[in-house]
Amino acid sequence: MPRALINAHMQLCFKAILVLLAIGLRPAAGMQPCASQHELLAKAKVVVEARVKSLSIGPSGLLSNDRDFPTRMIRADLEIKRVIKGNFLGKEAIVYGTMYPPGPFTELTWMALFYGYDGHDTFEWELSRFEIGNGVGAFRANDCIYYKFPEWVIAPRQSITNPNQ
């Protein structure tokens, strides 16, 4: 048994399992629920159709004087296919979030796995910018933001959380 734990392949498998367990966290019952996706879309300033080029967890690379700012973050590199609402001139965007909800990290993981599978790898995402300081900002993933993923990404989760559906 100890030899299996030393094996680099097994260590990678254990890390992947831990990441998937952490991504599956949901907000506590006492948290304020997000508005419906319809209401969030109405409030959104910029909504794009995007693809996840890469998804990683690690040091954010962002420098902040705020001690409460997390240093380990989820980073999703998005490729912008088209702008649905508002104005956005870039062809790429980087979205940052922490491991804790709210945030559709399981869905982002699925979309990253299917990158390049044309017709099945795009989704809608609100680019919600937050200022870090001195005119520097980033797009957030841990907020009540609008997103719409393909049905095949969402359906498995709904059947797990509500077996009567």
Protein backbone atom coordinates (compact mmCIF):
# COMPACT_ATOMS: atom_id res chain seq x y z
CA MET A 1 0.00 0.00 0.00
CA PRO A 2 2.69 2.61 0.78
CA ARG A 3 4.23 2.04 -2.66
CA ALA A 4 0.99 3.09 -4.34
CA LEU A 5 1.05 6.42 -2.48
CA ILE A 6 4.59 7.09 -3.67
CA ASN A 7 3.66 6.52 -7.30
CA ALA A 8 3.41 9.90 -9.08
CA HIS A 9 0.38 8.78 -11.06
CA MET A 10 -1.53 7.91 -7.89
CA GLN A 11 -0.59 11.23 -6.30
CA LEU A 12 -2.00 13.03 -9.33
CA CYS A 13 -5.22 10.99 -9.07
CA PHE A 14 -5.59 11.89 -5.37
CA LYS A 15 -5.07 15.59 -6.14
CA ALA A 16 -7.69 15.45 -8.90
CA ILE A 17 -10.19 13.83 -6.52
CA LEU A 18 -9.55 16.50 -3.88
CA VAL A 19 -10.06 19.27 -6.43
CA LEU A 20 -13.33 17.76 -7.63
CA LEU A 21 -14.54 17.40 -4.04
CA ALA A 22 -13.71 21.03 -3.32
CA ILE A 23 -15.41 22.20 -6.52
CA GLY A 24 -18.57 20.42 -5.45
CA LEU A 25 -19.01 22.66 -2.40
CA ARG A 26 -22.28 24.57 -2.27
CA PRO A 27 -23.23 27.74 -0.34
CA ALA A 28 -24.51 27.36 3.19
CA ALA A 29 -28.25 27.60 3.77
CA GLY A 30 -27.77 30.91 5.61
CA MET A 31 -26.23 32.69 2.62
CA GLN A 32 -28.28 35.12 0.60
CA PRO A 33 -29.39 33.30 -2.57
CA CYS A 34 -28.57 34.74 -5.98
CA ALA A 35 -31.30 36.23 -8.12
CA SER A 36 -32.67 34.16 -11.00
CA GLN A 37 -30.55 33.91 -14.13
CA HIS A 38 -33.23 35.90 -15.99
CA GLU A 39 -32.84 38.81 -13.52
CA LEU A 40 -29.05 38.55 -13.61
CA LEU A 41 -29.08 38.73 -17.42
CA ALA A 42 -31.24 41.86 -17.27
CA LYS A 43 -28.73 43.53 -14.89
CA ALA A 44 -25.61 42.36 -16.76
CA LYS A 45 -23.60 44.96 -18.65
CA VAL A 46 -21.39 42.61 -20.70
CA VAL A 47 -22.34 39.05 -21.67
CA VAL A 48 -20.23 36.98 -24.05
CA GLU A 49 -20.30 33.57 -25.66
CA ALA A 50 -17.05 31.94 -24.63
CA ARG A 51 -14.95 28.78 -24.51
CA VAL A 52 -12.64 27.72 -21.65
CA LYS A 53 -9.12 27.45 -23.08
CA SER A 54 -7.62 26.49 -19.73
CA LEU A 55 -8.63 26.14 -16.11
CA SER A 56 -6.14 26.07 -13.26
CA ILE A 57 -5.89 26.35 -9.49
CA GLY A 58 -2.82 27.99 -8.04
CA PRO A 59 -1.24 31.30 -7.13
CA SER A 60 -3.22 34.05 -8.81
CA GLY A 61 -0.25 36.21 -9.68
CA LEU A 62 -2.26 39.22 -8.54
CA LEU A 63 -0.64 41.53 -6.04
CA SER A 64 -2.85 43.05 -3.39
CA ASN A 65 -2.24 44.90 -0.14
CA ASP A 66 -5.47 43.45 1.26
CA ARG A 67 -4.58 40.63 3.69
CA ASP A 68 -7.99 39.02 3.19
CA PHE A 69 -7.39 38.65 -0.55
CA PRO A 70 -6.83 34.94 -1.32
CA THR A 71 -3.50 34.04 -2.89
CA ARG A 72 -4.63 30.69 -4.33
CA MET A 73 -7.35 31.09 -6.89
CA ILE A 74 -9.10 29.44 -9.78
CA ARG A 75 -8.16 30.96 -13.11
CA ALA A 76 -10.17 30.37 -16.28
CA ASP A 77 -8.77 31.61 -19.58
CA LEU A 78 -11.74 32.33 -21.81
CA GLU A 79 -11.74 32.62 -25.57
CA ILE A 80 -14.48 35.04 -26.60
CA LYS A 81 -16.48 33.81 -29.60
CA ARG A 82 -18.96 36.72 -29.74
CA VAL A 83 -20.43 39.50 -27.61
CA ILE A 84 -24.10 38.92 -26.74
CA LYS A 85 -24.76 42.05 -24.70
CA GLY A 86 -22.78 45.25 -24.16
CA ASN A 87 -19.33 46.08 -25.54
CA PHE A 88 -16.16 44.05 -25.21
CA LEU A 89 -13.36 44.45 -27.72
CA GLY A 90 -11.04 41.67 -26.55
CA LYS A 91 -10.88 38.14 -27.93
CA GLU A 92 -9.76 36.70 -24.59
CA ALA A 93 -10.57 37.27 -20.92
CA ILE A 94 -9.19 35.85 -17.70
CA VAL A 95 -11.70 35.09 -14.95
CA TYR A 96 -10.60 34.65 -11.31
CA GLY A 97 -12.46 33.04 -8.45
CA THR A 98 -11.86 31.31 -5.15
CA MET A 99 -12.77 27.74 -4.37
CA TYR A 100 -15.88 28.70 -2.45
CA PRO A 101 -19.36 29.34 -3.89
CA PRO A 102 -21.19 30.96 -5.44
CA GLY A 103 -19.56 29.96 -8.67
CA PRO A 104 -20.19 27.35 -11.36
CA PHE A 105 -16.80 25.68 -11.13
CA THR A 106 -17.99 22.17 -11.93
CA GLU A 107 -19.54 23.49 -15.13
CA LEU A 108 -16.38 25.42 -16.03
CA THR A 109 -14.38 22.22 -15.50
CA TRP A 110 -16.63 20.32 -17.91
CA MET A 111 -16.36 23.10 -20.48
CA ALA A 112 -12.56 23.09 -20.19
CA LEU A 113 -12.53 19.33 -20.82
CA PHE A 114 -14.62 19.76 -24.00
CA TYR A 115 -12.60 22.68 -25.43
CA GLY A 116 -12.21 22.16 -29.16
CA TYR A 117 -15.29 19.94 -29.50
CA ASP A 118 -17.01 22.41 -31.82
CA GLY A 119 -20.67 23.02 -31.21
CA HIS A 120 -20.47 21.72 -27.64
CA ASP A 121 -17.79 23.87 -26.06
CA THR A 122 -19.40 27.33 -25.84
CA PHE A 123 -21.48 28.91 -23.09
CA GLU A 124 -22.73 32.34 -22.05
CA TRP A 125 -20.89 34.25 -19.32
CA GLU A 126 -21.19 37.71 -17.79
CA LEU A 127 -17.90 39.54 -17.62
CA SER A 128 -18.19 41.24 -14.23
CA ARG A 129 -15.10 43.36 -13.55
CA PHE A 130 -13.87 44.22 -10.07
CA GLU A 131 -11.17 46.74 -9.25
CA ILE A 132 -8.14 45.47 -7.40
CA GLY A 133 -6.54 48.86 -7.03
CA ASN A 134 -4.77 51.62 -8.96
CA GLY A 135 -6.88 51.06 -12.06
CA VAL A 136 -6.11 47.35 -12.20
CA GLY A 137 -9.06 45.01 -12.35
CA ALA A 138 -10.04 41.45 -13.14
CA PHE A 139 -13.16 39.52 -14.05
CA ARG A 140 -14.81 37.59 -11.26
CA ALA A 141 -16.29 34.13 -11.06
CA ASN A 142 -17.38 34.20 -7.38
CA ASP A 143 -20.35 36.43 -7.57
CA CYS A 144 -23.98 36.26 -8.47
CA ILE A 145 -23.33 36.65 -12.19
CA TYR A 146 -25.21 35.51 -15.26
CA TYR A 147 -24.11 32.29 -16.96
CA LYS A 148 -25.79 29.76 -19.18
CA PHE A 149 -24.22 26.39 -19.87
CA PRO A 150 -25.41 23.73 -22.32
CA GLU A 151 -28.07 21.39 -20.96
CA TRP A 152 -25.76 18.36 -21.06
CA VAL A 153 -23.46 20.07 -18.52
CA ILE A 154 -26.21 21.01 -16.06
CA ALA A 155 -28.51 17.96 -16.30
CA PRO A 156 -26.23 15.49 -14.44
CA ARG A 157 -25.97 17.81 -11.41
CA GLN A 158 -29.74 18.33 -11.24
CA SER A 159 -30.36 14.58 -11.21
CA ILE A 160 -27.86 14.17 -8.35
CA THR A 161 -29.23 17.00 -6.20
CA ASN A 162 -32.89 16.19 -6.90
CA PRO A 163 -33.35 12.49 -7.72
CA ASN A 164 -37.08 12.99 -8.39
CA GLN A 165 -36.38 14.95 -11.61
